[in-house]
Amino acid sequence: MYFLQSNQKKLLTNFNPVFLTVFVLLMILFRSTAEAIVPSVLTGWDILLPIAIYLGQRRAMWEGILILLFNAHLYSLNSSAPIGLFVVYYLLFFFFAQIVAYILYAQTPVSVICLLFLVSLLSRLVLPLCSQLFDQVFYVFSWGNWSFWNVVLNTVLGFFTYLVLSILDRITLKVPPRNITLGDSSL
């Protein structure tokens, strides 16, 4: 990628949100069609949770909000939840990731796994609370909500999603603003 001219690098960097949205759309399509192939294994997979965390950790505030609003609305249109539920839910985790980024900047595999595990556990409380705002009943204390398999599944698949997004950022030459601010050597 070093052979590209500066305007070509800028164009490639500007297409990063488009590639990210296409990736999210492909994941939504995969999850919605995979239930016929693998019936109950992927039903607990929260596909946008690692994306919200990634955007909160690796994007500027307004860029991350705009990308997440569009993708959460896209996800909301493909679900049976009330419109706006997933937008509020994922924006809460985006802001959580923005705040946590000043304490724990998830850059190593161990820190990414720890952050995703923590967020997967926290999401078990936040989703029922958000659903009550939309007059939906989703019980906090139920086995479907606190299944250890769902937390592990979200952590493992979230790690691979996080990895794919970081590879996408490297391909499109997108540098996280915190790397510039913190003076990271991976520039």
C-alpha atoms as a PDB file:
ATOM      1  CA  MET A   1       0.000   0.000   0.000  1.00  0.00           C
ATOM      2  CA  TYR A   2       3.034   2.258   0.187  1.00  0.00           C
ATOM      3  CA  PHE A   3       3.045   2.588  -3.591  1.00  0.00           C
ATOM      4  CA  LEU A   4      -0.260   4.495  -3.611  1.00  0.00           C
ATOM      5  CA  GLN A   5      -0.325   8.243  -4.041  1.00  0.00           C
ATOM      6  CA  SER A   6      -1.669  10.361  -1.192  1.00  0.00           C
ATOM      7  CA  ASN A   7      -4.998  11.102  -2.886  1.00  0.00           C
ATOM      8  CA  GLN A   8      -5.486   7.380  -3.550  1.00  0.00           C
ATOM      9  CA  LYS A   9      -4.763   6.596   0.112  1.00  0.00           C
ATOM     10  CA  LYS A  10      -7.275   9.240   1.167  1.00  0.00           C
ATOM     11  CA  LEU A  11      -9.915   7.796  -1.164  1.00  0.00           C
ATOM     12  CA  LEU A  12      -9.277   4.312   0.195  1.00  0.00           C
ATOM     13  CA  THR A  13      -9.556   5.594   3.763  1.00  0.00           C
ATOM     14  CA  ASN A  14     -12.820   7.373   2.960  1.00  0.00           C
ATOM     15  CA  PHE A  15     -14.331   4.131   1.663  1.00  0.00           C
ATOM     16  CA  ASN A  16     -13.691   2.426   5.013  1.00  0.00           C
ATOM     17  CA  PRO A  17     -17.233   3.107   6.389  1.00  0.00           C
ATOM     18  CA  VAL A  18     -18.740   1.690   3.207  1.00  0.00           C
ATOM     19  CA  PHE A  19     -16.700  -1.501   3.504  1.00  0.00           C
ATOM     20  CA  LEU A  20     -17.578  -1.733   7.196  1.00  0.00           C
ATOM     21  CA  THR A  21     -21.301  -1.388   6.429  1.00  0.00           C
ATOM     22  CA  VAL A  22     -21.094  -4.026   3.704  1.00  0.00           C
ATOM     23  CA  PHE A  23     -19.382  -6.327   6.210  1.00  0.00           C
ATOM     24  CA  VAL A  24     -22.173  -5.713   8.744  1.00  0.00           C
ATOM     25  CA  LEU A  25     -24.814  -6.375   6.094  1.00  0.00           C
ATOM     26  CA  LEU A  26     -23.134  -9.661   5.163  1.00  0.00           C
ATOM     27  CA  MET A  27     -23.029 -10.666   8.842  1.00  0.00           C
ATOM     28  CA  ILE A  28     -26.737  -9.826   9.247  1.00  0.00           C
ATOM     29  CA  LEU A  29     -27.567 -11.897   6.180  1.00  0.00           C
ATOM     30  CA  PHE A  30     -25.427 -14.772   7.420  1.00  0.00           C
ATOM     31  CA  ARG A  31     -27.000 -14.789  10.866  1.00  0.00           C
ATOM     32  CA  SER A  32     -30.534 -14.572   9.528  1.00  0.00           C
ATOM     33  CA  THR A  33     -30.004 -17.409   7.057  1.00  0.00           C
ATOM     34  CA  ALA A  34     -27.762 -19.584   9.230  1.00  0.00           C
ATOM     35  CA  GLU A  35     -30.636 -20.582  11.506  1.00  0.00           C
ATOM     36  CA  ALA A  36     -31.831 -22.964   8.806  1.00  0.00           C
ATOM     37  CA  ILE A  37     -28.394 -24.575   8.615  1.00  0.00           C
ATOM     38  CA  VAL A  38     -27.323 -24.438  12.280  1.00  0.00           C
ATOM     39  CA  PRO A  39     -30.654 -24.125  14.133  1.00  0.00           C
ATOM     40  CA  SER A  40     -29.944 -23.117  17.706  1.00  0.00           C
ATOM     41  CA  VAL A  41     -26.219 -22.506  17.873  1.00  0.00           C
ATOM     42  CA  LEU A  42     -26.141 -18.916  16.620  1.00  0.00           C
ATOM     43  CA  THR A  43     -29.364 -17.571  18.147  1.00  0.00           C
ATOM     44  CA  GLY A  44     -27.491 -16.046  21.091  1.00  0.00           C
ATOM     45  CA  TRP A  45     -24.927 -14.298  18.891  1.00  0.00           C
ATOM     46  CA  ASP A  46     -25.066 -10.508  19.165  1.00  0.00           C
ATOM     47  CA  ILE A  47     -23.392  -9.477  15.920  1.00  0.00           C
ATOM     48  CA  LEU A  48     -23.302  -5.716  16.417  1.00  0.00           C
ATOM     49  CA  LEU A  49     -21.942  -5.750  19.956  1.00  0.00           C
ATOM     50  CA  PRO A  50     -18.260  -6.148  18.935  1.00  0.00           C
ATOM     51  CA  ILE A  51     -18.797  -3.620  16.155  1.00  0.00           C
ATOM     52  CA  ALA A  52     -20.143  -1.059  18.640  1.00  0.00           C
ATOM     53  CA  ILE A  53     -17.159  -1.725  20.893  1.00  0.00           C
ATOM     54  CA  TYR A  54     -14.736  -1.517  17.977  1.00  0.00           C
ATOM     55  CA  LEU A  55     -16.198   1.775  16.777  1.00  0.00           C
ATOM     56  CA  GLY A  56     -16.106   3.142  20.320  1.00  0.00           C
ATOM     57  CA  GLN A  57     -12.464   2.165  20.706  1.00  0.00           C
ATOM     58  CA  ARG A  58     -11.156   2.997  17.238  1.00  0.00           C
ATOM     59  CA  ARG A  59     -13.215   5.856  15.814  1.00  0.00           C
ATOM     60  CA  ALA A  60     -13.731   9.517  16.521  1.00  0.00           C
ATOM     61  CA  MET A  61     -17.003  10.282  18.304  1.00  0.00           C
ATOM     62  CA  TRP A  62     -19.075  11.615  15.406  1.00  0.00           C
ATOM     63  CA  GLU A  63     -17.785   9.175  12.825  1.00  0.00           C
ATOM     64  CA  GLY A  64     -18.526   6.229  15.102  1.00  0.00           C
ATOM     65  CA  ILE A  65     -21.989   7.518  15.993  1.00  0.00           C
ATOM     66  CA  LEU A  66     -22.984   7.950  12.353  1.00  0.00           C
ATOM     67  CA  ILE A  67     -21.703   4.533  11.296  1.00  0.00           C
ATOM     68  CA  LEU A  68     -23.292   2.844  14.299  1.00  0.00           C
ATOM     69  CA  LEU A  69     -26.643   4.610  13.871  1.00  0.00           C
ATOM     70  CA  PHE A  70     -26.880   3.429  10.284  1.00  0.00           C
ATOM     71  CA  ASN A  71     -25.797  -0.133  11.032  1.00  0.00           C
ATOM     72  CA  ALA A  72     -27.992  -0.454  14.136  1.00  0.00           C
ATOM     73  CA  HIS A  73     -30.968   0.804  12.173  1.00  0.00           C
ATOM     74  CA  LEU A  74     -30.173  -1.697   9.437  1.00  0.00           C
ATOM     75  CA  TYR A  75     -30.022  -4.438  12.072  1.00  0.00           C
ATOM     76  CA  SER A  76     -33.240  -3.194  13.647  1.00  0.00           C
ATOM     77  CA  LEU A  77     -35.048  -3.404  10.307  1.00  0.00           C
ATOM     78  CA  ASN A  78     -34.053  -7.075  10.042  1.00  0.00           C
ATOM     79  CA  SER A  79     -35.312  -7.995  13.500  1.00  0.00           C
ATOM     80  CA  SER A  80     -38.679  -8.217  15.165  1.00  0.00           C
ATOM     81  CA  ALA A  81     -37.731  -5.712  17.871  1.00  0.00           C
ATOM     82  CA  PRO A  82     -39.331  -2.265  18.026  1.00  0.00           C
ATOM     83  CA  ILE A  83     -37.641   0.318  15.840  1.00  0.00           C
ATOM     84  CA  GLY A  84     -35.074   2.144  17.899  1.00  0.00           C
ATOM     85  CA  LEU A  85     -34.437  -0.528  20.512  1.00  0.00           C
ATOM     86  CA  PHE A  86     -31.175  -1.735  19.022  1.00  0.00           C
ATOM     87  CA  VAL A  87     -30.111   1.812  18.171  1.00  0.00           C
ATOM     88  CA  VAL A  88     -30.367   2.819  21.837  1.00  0.00           C
ATOM     89  CA  TYR A  89     -28.811  -0.461  22.994  1.00  0.00           C
ATOM     90  CA  TYR A  90     -25.748  -0.237  20.765  1.00  0.00           C
ATOM     91  CA  LEU A  91     -25.274   3.489  21.315  1.00  0.00           C
ATOM     92  CA  LEU A  92     -25.030   2.810  25.055  1.00  0.00           C
ATOM     93  CA  PHE A  93     -22.222   0.330  24.411  1.00  0.00           C
ATOM     94  CA  PHE A  94     -20.573   2.711  21.966  1.00  0.00           C
ATOM     95  CA  PHE A  95     -20.411   5.418  24.639  1.00  0.00           C
ATOM     96  CA  PHE A  96     -19.252   2.824  27.165  1.00  0.00           C
ATOM     97  CA  ALA A  97     -16.415   1.855  24.808  1.00  0.00           C
ATOM     98  CA  GLN A  98     -15.534   5.519  24.264  1.00  0.00           C
ATOM     99  CA  ILE A  99     -15.175   6.014  28.020  1.00  0.00           C
ATOM    100  CA  VAL A 100     -13.345   2.728  28.601  1.00  0.00           C
ATOM    101  CA  ALA A 101     -10.885   3.530  25.794  1.00  0.00           C
ATOM    102  CA  TYR A 102      -9.175   6.037  28.069  1.00  0.00           C
ATOM    103  CA  ILE A 103      -8.671   3.323  30.698  1.00  0.00           C
ATOM    104  CA  LEU A 104      -8.316   0.164  28.596  1.00  0.00           C
ATOM    105  CA  TYR A 105      -7.415   0.615  24.963  1.00  0.00           C
ATOM    106  CA  ALA A 106      -8.099  -2.821  23.509  1.00  0.00           C
ATOM    107  CA  GLN A 107      -5.168  -3.439  21.230  1.00  0.00           C
ATOM    108  CA  THR A 108      -3.703  -6.765  22.306  1.00  0.00           C
ATOM    109  CA  PRO A 109      -5.659 -10.024  21.927  1.00  0.00           C
ATOM    110  CA  VAL A 110      -5.907 -10.480  25.705  1.00  0.00           C
ATOM    111  CA  SER A 111      -7.300  -6.980  26.267  1.00  0.00           C
ATOM    112  CA  VAL A 112      -9.789  -7.414  23.412  1.00  0.00           C
ATOM    113  CA  ILE A 113     -11.030 -10.746  24.815  1.00  0.00           C
ATOM    114  CA  CYS A 114     -11.315  -9.314  28.334  1.00  0.00           C
ATOM    115  CA  LEU A 115     -13.220  -6.277  27.093  1.00  0.00           C
ATOM    116  CA  LEU A 116     -15.575  -8.367  24.964  1.00  0.00           C
ATOM    117  CA  PHE A 117     -16.214 -10.793  27.835  1.00  0.00           C
ATOM    118  CA  LEU A 118     -16.997  -7.913  30.180  1.00  0.00           C
ATOM    119  CA  VAL A 119     -19.296  -6.289  27.651  1.00  0.00           C
ATOM    120  CA  SER A 120     -21.022  -9.621  26.906  1.00  0.00           C
ATOM    121  CA  LEU A 121     -21.812  -9.987  30.603  1.00  0.00           C
ATOM    122  CA  LEU A 122     -22.947  -6.374  30.874  1.00  0.00           C
ATOM    123  CA  SER A 123     -25.161  -6.748  27.812  1.00  0.00           C
ATOM    124  CA  ARG A 124     -27.184  -9.390  29.666  1.00  0.00           C
ATOM    125  CA  LEU A 125     -28.385  -6.598  31.983  1.00  0.00           C
ATOM    126  CA  VAL A 126     -28.618  -3.718  29.529  1.00  0.00           C
ATOM    127  CA  LEU A 127     -30.806  -5.352  26.861  1.00  0.00           C
ATOM    128  CA  PRO A 128     -33.685  -6.184  29.243  1.00  0.00           C
ATOM    129  CA  LEU A 129     -33.515  -2.669  30.684  1.00  0.00           C
ATOM    130  CA  CYS A 130     -33.564  -1.127  27.211  1.00  0.00           C
ATOM    131  CA  SER A 131     -36.461  -3.352  26.184  1.00  0.00           C
ATOM    132  CA  GLN A 132     -38.487  -2.109  29.143  1.00  0.00           C
ATOM    133  CA  LEU A 133     -38.093   1.431  27.784  1.00  0.00           C
ATOM    134  CA  PHE A 134     -39.894   0.226  24.649  1.00  0.00           C
ATOM    135  CA  ASP A 135     -42.645  -1.591  26.625  1.00  0.00           C
ATOM    136  CA  GLN A 136     -41.256  -5.008  25.810  1.00  0.00           C
ATOM    137  CA  VAL A 137     -40.902  -7.768  28.384  1.00  0.00           C
ATOM    138  CA  PHE A 138     -37.526  -9.464  28.426  1.00  0.00           C
ATOM    139  CA  TYR A 139     -36.716 -11.062  31.718  1.00  0.00           C
ATOM    140  CA  VAL A 140     -33.377 -10.369  33.338  1.00  0.00           C
ATOM    141  CA  PHE A 141     -33.464 -13.507  35.452  1.00  0.00           C
ATOM    142  CA  SER A 142     -33.991 -16.229  32.887  1.00  0.00           C
ATOM    143  CA  TRP A 143     -31.784 -19.037  31.681  1.00  0.00           C
ATOM    144  CA  GLY A 144     -31.958 -17.769  28.084  1.00  0.00           C
ATOM    145  CA  ASN A 145     -30.538 -14.441  29.204  1.00  0.00           C
ATOM    146  CA  TRP A 146     -27.783 -15.764  31.466  1.00  0.00           C
ATOM    147  CA  SER A 147     -26.650 -18.733  29.399  1.00  0.00           C
ATOM    148  CA  PHE A 148     -22.891 -19.076  29.799  1.00  0.00           C
ATOM    149  CA  TRP A 149     -22.727 -20.455  26.256  1.00  0.00           C
ATOM    150  CA  ASN A 150     -24.097 -17.161  24.869  1.00  0.00           C
ATOM    151  CA  VAL A 151     -21.488 -15.132  26.745  1.00  0.00           C
ATOM    152  CA  VAL A 152     -18.675 -17.383  25.487  1.00  0.00           C
ATOM    153  CA  LEU A 153     -20.129 -17.371  21.957  1.00  0.00           C
ATOM    154  CA  ASN A 154     -20.335 -13.573  21.923  1.00  0.00           C
ATOM    155  CA  THR A 155     -16.793 -13.296  23.239  1.00  0.00           C
ATOM    156  CA  VAL A 156     -15.252 -15.729  20.741  1.00  0.00           C
ATOM    157  CA  LEU A 157     -17.176 -14.577  17.672  1.00  0.00           C
ATOM    158  CA  GLY A 158     -16.779 -10.986  18.816  1.00  0.00           C
ATOM    159  CA  PHE A 159     -13.013 -11.452  18.926  1.00  0.00           C
ATOM    160  CA  PHE A 160     -12.995 -12.702  15.335  1.00  0.00           C
ATOM    161  CA  THR A 161     -15.258  -9.827  14.283  1.00  0.00           C
ATOM    162  CA  TYR A 162     -12.910  -7.382  16.015  1.00  0.00           C
ATOM    163  CA  LEU A 163      -9.983  -9.015  14.216  1.00  0.00           C
ATOM    164  CA  VAL A 164     -11.679  -8.733  10.810  1.00  0.00           C
ATOM    165  CA  LEU A 165     -12.465  -5.068  11.459  1.00  0.00           C
ATOM    166  CA  SER A 166      -8.860  -4.344  12.402  1.00  0.00           C
ATOM    167  CA  ILE A 167      -7.691  -6.067   9.208  1.00  0.00           C
ATOM    168  CA  LEU A 168     -10.202  -3.992   7.243  1.00  0.00           C
ATOM    169  CA  ASP A 169      -8.784  -0.846   8.840  1.00  0.00           C
ATOM    170  CA  ARG A 170      -5.249  -1.858   7.888  1.00  0.00           C
ATOM    171  CA  ILE A 171      -6.265  -2.591   4.306  1.00  0.00           C
ATOM    172  CA  THR A 172      -8.024   0.763   3.969  1.00  0.00           C
ATOM    173  CA  LEU A 173      -5.207   2.597   5.796  1.00  0.00           C
ATOM    174  CA  LYS A 174      -7.546   3.850   8.533  1.00  0.00           C
ATOM    175  CA  VAL A 175      -5.573   5.007  11.570  1.00  0.00           C
ATOM    176  CA  PRO A 176      -7.491   5.174  14.853  1.00  0.00           C
ATOM    177  CA  PRO A 177      -7.460   8.704  16.306  1.00  0.00           C
ATOM    178  CA  ARG A 178      -6.306   7.379  19.691  1.00  0.00           C
ATOM    179  CA  ASN A 179      -3.181   5.954  18.068  1.00  0.00           C
ATOM    180  CA  ILE A 180      -2.349   9.455  16.886  1.00  0.00           C
ATOM    181  CA  THR A 181      -3.254  10.987  20.267  1.00  0.00           C
ATOM    182  CA  LEU A 182      -1.408   8.426  22.356  1.00  0.00           C
ATOM    183  CA  GLY A 183       1.614   8.375  20.033  1.00  0.00           C
ATOM    184  CA  ASP A 184       1.399   4.660  19.361  1.00  0.00           C
ATOM    185  CA  SER A 185       4.330   3.062  17.591  1.00  0.00           C
ATOM    186  CA  SER A 186       2.041   1.087  15.261  1.00  0.00           C
ATOM    187  CA  LEU A 187       1.591   4.082  13.001  1.00  0.00           C
END
